[in-house]
Amino acid sequence: MNPQLLYTVSGPKTLYEMTREEAQEALAKTDIILLPAGAVEQHGPHLPLGADTIQGVDMCKRTQLLLEAEGTRVVVAPPFMYGLSSAHMDFPGTITLTPHTMLSVMEETCLSLYRHGFRKFALIMAHGGNWPIMQVAAQSIVAQTTDADVICLNWLDIVHDQYPKILTSKKHEGHSGEGETARMLSSTPKLVEMQRARTFYPETAAPTETAYPGGFFKPKRSMKATTQYGSVGDPKLATAETGDKIYDVIVRWLADNIKREFGRRT
């Protein structure tokens, strides 16, 4: 029996999908690499456990296409599949690394790529829990090399500022809510189980999230203490068209920052 086709993968190829010769050809054209940092964790009853990683790869591929259309070549690395997801361990299927392990994985991945000729590393946050480790990894990679440039990019604040203009919901949409569900409908609609989606809004929304930049940081201990469903918001409002609009905001912001920091090389 032939396996059932669950979903398709769109290009361009990531480094993981290239042959050795294709990787060598790419290195002859650019030393910029984008590394999405995702997770395998619960995303409510309707989204796959790999939602963060899927979105991270998708936004990096879209950013690659935009950058190349504007004259800057880049390569997308394989994603960091597992992240810091301890707050979701009360839900089955979640896999989490310890901060020490994730830091080591990020460092050693980037140092391997550095050895082959990559010099400009853009660590793209695809899961909020990874944000603190990404910053430490960036500092460590710079300290261990002579000429590596590393930036960490967290697009959450940018997107949340635009949510009132894009989303149907006028309430707080959080983890696996309308916004994230819309992005998944745009990326891999066949993996979204919309009939399982549940609407849930906490009585009081937290003033900050662990992923947001700024002067306040509080690690989340248990997502289940916040929401019994594992999601916050109304995912049933989501559409693929909304997801495309959100991706457009993210990708434009990522591309602008990468061009500003790493310049143009064709």
Protein backbone atom coordinates (compact mmCIF):
# COMPACT_ATOMS: atom_id res chain seq x y z
CA MET A 1 0.00 0.00 0.00
CA ASN A 2 1.23 3.49 -0.84
CA PRO A 3 1.44 5.99 2.04
CA GLN A 4 -1.24 8.68 2.12
CA LEU A 5 -0.09 12.14 1.03
CA LEU A 6 -0.71 14.44 4.00
CA TYR A 7 0.58 17.74 2.63
CA THR A 8 2.99 19.18 0.08
CA VAL A 9 6.19 21.14 0.64
CA SER A 10 6.78 24.36 -1.28
CA GLY A 11 10.16 25.70 -2.39
CA PRO A 12 12.69 27.10 -2.42
CA LYS A 13 14.85 24.28 -1.11
CA THR A 14 16.31 24.59 2.35
CA LEU A 15 19.86 23.43 3.04
CA TYR A 16 18.37 20.19 4.35
CA GLU A 17 16.84 19.49 0.93
CA MET A 18 19.89 20.43 -1.14
CA THR A 19 22.55 18.10 -2.45
CA ARG A 20 26.14 18.65 -1.38
CA GLU A 21 26.91 20.28 -4.72
CA GLU A 22 23.87 22.55 -4.50
CA ALA A 23 25.04 23.66 -1.04
CA GLN A 24 28.48 24.42 -2.45
CA GLU A 25 26.95 26.42 -5.29
CA ALA A 26 24.81 28.38 -2.83
CA LEU A 27 27.88 29.21 -0.72
CA ALA A 28 29.59 30.62 -3.80
CA LYS A 29 26.77 33.17 -4.01
CA THR A 30 26.07 34.07 -0.39
CA ASP A 31 27.32 33.69 3.17
CA ILE A 32 23.96 34.61 4.74
CA ILE A 33 21.89 31.87 6.35
CA LEU A 34 18.50 32.02 8.08
CA LEU A 35 17.87 29.59 10.95
CA PRO A 36 14.28 29.18 12.17
CA ALA A 37 14.02 28.15 15.83
CA GLY A 38 10.79 26.18 16.28
CA ALA A 39 9.30 23.63 18.65
CA VAL A 40 7.31 20.42 18.96
CA GLU A 41 4.56 21.29 21.40
CA GLN A 42 0.81 21.20 21.77
CA HIS A 43 -1.12 23.80 19.80
CA GLY A 44 -4.62 23.26 21.05
CA PRO A 45 -6.86 20.49 19.74
CA HIS A 46 -6.75 21.68 16.13
CA LEU A 47 -3.14 22.45 15.13
CA PRO A 48 -0.22 20.01 14.71
CA LEU A 49 2.49 19.73 17.33
CA GLY A 50 4.98 21.00 14.77
CA ALA A 51 3.07 24.22 14.05
CA ASP A 52 5.85 26.54 15.24
CA THR A 53 8.49 24.77 13.19
CA ILE A 54 6.28 24.66 10.09
CA GLN A 55 5.58 28.39 10.36
CA GLY A 56 9.25 29.17 10.98
CA VAL A 57 10.37 27.37 7.85
CA ASP A 58 7.58 28.93 5.80
CA MET A 59 8.36 32.49 6.87
CA CYS A 60 12.06 31.93 6.16
CA LYS A 61 11.33 30.59 2.67
CA ARG A 62 9.05 33.53 1.96
CA THR A 63 11.74 35.89 3.24
CA GLN A 64 14.30 34.22 0.98
CA LEU A 65 12.09 34.81 -2.05
CA LEU A 66 11.52 38.46 -1.15
CA LEU A 67 15.21 39.10 -0.46
CA GLU A 68 16.29 37.48 -3.71
CA ALA A 69 13.72 39.53 -5.64
CA GLU A 70 15.39 42.60 -4.12
CA GLY A 71 18.95 41.49 -4.85
CA THR A 72 20.08 39.72 -1.67
CA ARG A 73 20.76 35.98 -1.78
CA VAL A 74 20.35 33.84 1.34
CA VAL A 75 20.08 30.17 2.32
CA VAL A 76 17.50 28.73 4.74
CA ALA A 77 18.93 26.23 7.21
CA PRO A 78 17.11 23.18 8.54
CA PRO A 79 14.95 24.33 11.47
CA PHE A 80 15.78 23.82 15.10
CA MET A 81 12.96 21.30 15.45
CA TYR A 82 12.83 21.13 19.23
CA GLY A 83 12.75 24.10 21.58
CA LEU A 84 12.07 25.16 25.14
CA SER A 85 8.50 23.97 25.72
CA SER A 86 8.43 22.93 29.37
CA ALA A 87 5.28 25.00 29.97
CA HIS A 88 3.40 22.71 27.57
CA MET A 89 4.50 19.39 29.05
CA ASP A 90 1.12 18.88 30.75
CA PHE A 91 -0.26 18.21 27.25
CA PRO A 92 0.65 14.95 25.45
CA GLY A 93 3.01 14.99 22.50
CA THR A 94 5.09 17.97 23.61
CA ILE A 95 8.86 17.52 23.47
CA THR A 96 11.14 19.96 25.27
CA LEU A 97 14.86 20.51 25.54
CA THR A 98 16.61 21.95 28.56
CA PRO A 99 18.07 25.45 28.08
CA HIS A 100 21.60 24.02 28.24
CA THR A 101 20.89 21.44 25.54
CA MET A 102 19.24 23.92 23.22
CA LEU A 103 22.10 26.37 23.63
CA SER A 104 24.59 23.64 22.72
CA VAL A 105 22.56 22.59 19.67
CA MET A 106 22.31 26.16 18.38
CA GLU A 107 26.00 26.85 18.95
CA GLU A 108 27.23 23.65 17.34
CA THR A 109 24.89 24.01 14.36
CA CYS A 110 26.08 27.53 13.63
CA LEU A 111 29.74 26.61 14.15
CA SER A 112 29.35 23.75 11.65
CA LEU A 113 27.88 26.15 9.11
CA TYR A 114 30.62 28.67 9.90
CA ARG A 115 33.28 26.09 9.07
CA HIS A 116 31.79 25.68 5.59
CA GLY A 117 31.79 29.40 4.87
CA PHE A 118 28.64 30.98 6.25
CA ARG A 119 29.43 34.18 8.10
CA LYS A 120 26.11 35.96 8.59
CA PHE A 121 23.55 34.18 10.75
CA ALA A 122 19.95 35.31 11.23
CA LEU A 123 18.30 33.37 14.07
CA ILE A 124 14.56 33.59 13.40
CA MET A 125 12.27 33.08 16.37
CA ALA A 126 9.43 30.69 15.57
CA HIS A 127 8.58 29.81 19.17
CA GLY A 128 8.50 32.40 21.94
CA GLY A 129 10.09 30.16 24.56
CA ASN A 130 13.30 30.07 22.50
CA TRP A 131 13.90 33.80 22.57
CA PRO A 132 16.21 34.02 25.63
CA ILE A 133 18.42 31.12 24.48
CA MET A 134 18.67 32.56 20.97
CA GLN A 135 20.22 35.72 22.39
CA VAL A 136 22.72 33.80 24.51
CA ALA A 137 23.61 31.60 21.52
CA ALA A 138 24.21 34.65 19.36
CA GLN A 139 26.60 36.13 21.88
CA SER A 140 28.41 32.81 22.28
CA ILE A 141 28.85 32.29 18.52
CA VAL A 142 30.33 35.76 18.11
CA ALA A 143 32.70 35.10 21.01
CA GLN A 144 33.89 31.80 19.50
CA THR A 145 34.58 33.12 15.99
CA THR A 146 36.64 35.89 14.47
CA ASP A 147 34.25 37.26 11.86
CA ALA A 148 30.73 35.85 12.33
CA ASP A 149 27.82 38.29 12.49
CA VAL A 150 24.70 37.04 14.27
CA ILE A 151 21.31 38.68 14.66
CA CYS A 152 18.19 37.43 16.47
CA LEU A 153 14.82 38.41 15.03
CA ASN A 154 11.58 38.39 17.04
CA TRP A 155 8.60 39.51 14.96
CA LEU A 156 5.86 39.02 17.57
CA ASP A 157 5.56 42.65 18.65
CA ILE A 158 5.38 43.77 15.01
CA VAL A 159 2.58 41.33 14.24
CA HIS A 160 0.59 42.05 17.38
CA ASP A 161 0.66 45.75 16.53
CA GLN A 162 -0.95 44.88 13.17
CA TYR A 163 -3.46 42.33 14.46
CA PRO A 164 -6.25 44.90 15.01
CA LYS A 165 -6.04 45.80 11.30
CA ILE A 166 -5.87 42.20 10.05
CA LEU A 167 -7.81 39.88 12.34
CA THR A 168 -11.56 39.52 12.60
CA SER A 169 -11.38 39.07 16.37
CA LYS A 170 -11.29 42.18 18.51
CA LYS A 171 -10.20 40.27 21.60
CA HIS A 172 -6.79 39.00 22.69
CA GLU A 173 -5.70 36.23 20.33
CA GLY A 174 -2.88 34.18 21.74
CA HIS A 175 -1.37 30.72 21.35
CA SER A 176 -3.13 28.84 18.51
CA GLY A 177 -5.80 31.54 18.24
CA GLU A 178 -7.02 33.25 15.09
CA GLY A 179 -3.64 34.62 14.02
CA GLU A 180 -1.58 31.47 14.37
CA THR A 181 -4.35 29.29 12.96
CA ALA A 182 -4.57 31.60 9.95
CA ARG A 183 -0.85 31.20 9.30
CA MET A 184 -1.20 27.42 9.45
CA LEU A 185 -4.14 27.53 7.03
CA SER A 186 -1.85 29.40 4.68
CA SER A 187 1.15 27.09 5.21
CA THR A 188 -0.25 23.57 5.58
CA PRO A 189 -4.07 23.65 5.51
CA LYS A 190 -4.36 19.87 5.40
CA LEU A 191 -2.83 19.66 8.87
CA VAL A 192 -5.42 21.97 10.45
CA GLU A 193 -8.29 20.07 12.11
CA MET A 194 -10.72 22.98 12.27
CA GLN A 195 -13.61 20.78 13.43
CA ARG A 196 -11.66 20.23 16.66
CA ALA A 197 -11.03 23.94 17.34
CA ARG A 198 -12.28 25.43 20.61
CA THR A 199 -12.86 29.07 21.52
CA PHE A 200 -11.35 30.15 24.84
CA TYR A 201 -10.49 33.55 26.32
CA PRO A 202 -8.96 33.80 29.81
CA GLU A 203 -10.76 36.09 32.23
CA THR A 204 -7.64 38.22 32.46
CA ALA A 205 -5.04 38.43 29.70
CA ALA A 206 -1.41 38.64 30.78
CA PRO A 207 0.07 42.11 30.12
CA THR A 208 3.21 40.59 28.62
CA GLU A 209 4.36 37.40 26.93
CA THR A 210 7.69 35.68 27.45
CA ALA A 211 8.61 36.27 23.82
CA TYR A 212 8.18 40.03 23.78
CA PRO A 213 11.28 42.21 23.96
CA GLY A 214 11.60 44.84 26.65
CA GLY A 215 12.32 45.09 30.34
CA PHE A 216 10.01 42.39 31.65
CA PHE A 217 10.53 38.64 31.45
CA LYS A 218 8.68 35.87 33.27
CA PRO A 219 8.99 32.25 32.15
CA LYS A 220 5.67 30.46 31.88
CA ARG A 221 5.36 27.47 34.20
CA SER A 222 2.24 25.77 32.87
CA MET A 223 0.12 26.57 29.83
CA LYS A 224 -2.56 24.25 31.17
CA ALA A 225 -3.01 26.56 34.14
CA THR A 226 -3.96 29.27 31.64
CA THR A 227 -6.16 27.30 29.26
CA GLN A 228 -7.61 23.81 29.49
CA TYR A 229 -7.67 23.55 25.70
CA GLY A 230 -4.08 24.64 25.16
CA SER A 231 -5.17 27.53 22.96
CA VAL A 232 -6.20 31.14 23.54
CA GLY A 233 -8.62 32.97 21.24
CA ASP A 234 -11.05 31.93 18.54
CA PRO A 235 -9.26 29.89 15.87
CA LYS A 236 -12.55 29.32 14.04
CA LEU A 237 -12.30 32.89 12.74
CA ALA A 238 -9.07 32.12 10.88
CA THR A 239 -8.69 32.06 7.09
CA ALA A 240 -5.75 31.37 4.79
CA GLU A 241 -6.12 34.89 3.36
CA THR A 242 -5.60 36.34 6.82
CA GLY A 243 -2.59 34.11 7.24
CA ASP A 244 -1.06 35.47 4.03
CA LYS A 245 -1.54 39.03 5.26
CA ILE A 246 0.18 38.22 8.55
CA TYR A 247 3.05 36.51 6.74
CA ASP A 248 3.44 39.58 4.53
CA VAL A 249 3.98 41.74 7.63
CA ILE A 250 6.47 39.28 9.14
CA VAL A 251 8.42 38.72 5.94
CA ARG A 252 8.72 42.40 5.09
CA TRP A 253 10.08 43.12 8.57
CA LEU A 254 12.51 40.19 8.50
CA ALA A 255 13.80 41.12 5.05
CA ASP A 256 14.31 44.77 5.99
CA ASN A 257 16.33 43.86 9.09
CA ILE A 258 18.45 41.27 7.27
CA LYS A 259 19.26 43.71 4.46
CA ARG A 260 20.10 46.48 6.91
CA GLU A 261 22.45 44.32 8.98
CA PHE A 262 24.03 42.12 6.32
CA GLY A 263 23.94 44.32 3.25
CA ARG A 264 23.63 43.18 -0.34
CA ARG A 265 25.63 40.41 -1.89
CA THR A 266 24.73 38.83 -5.25
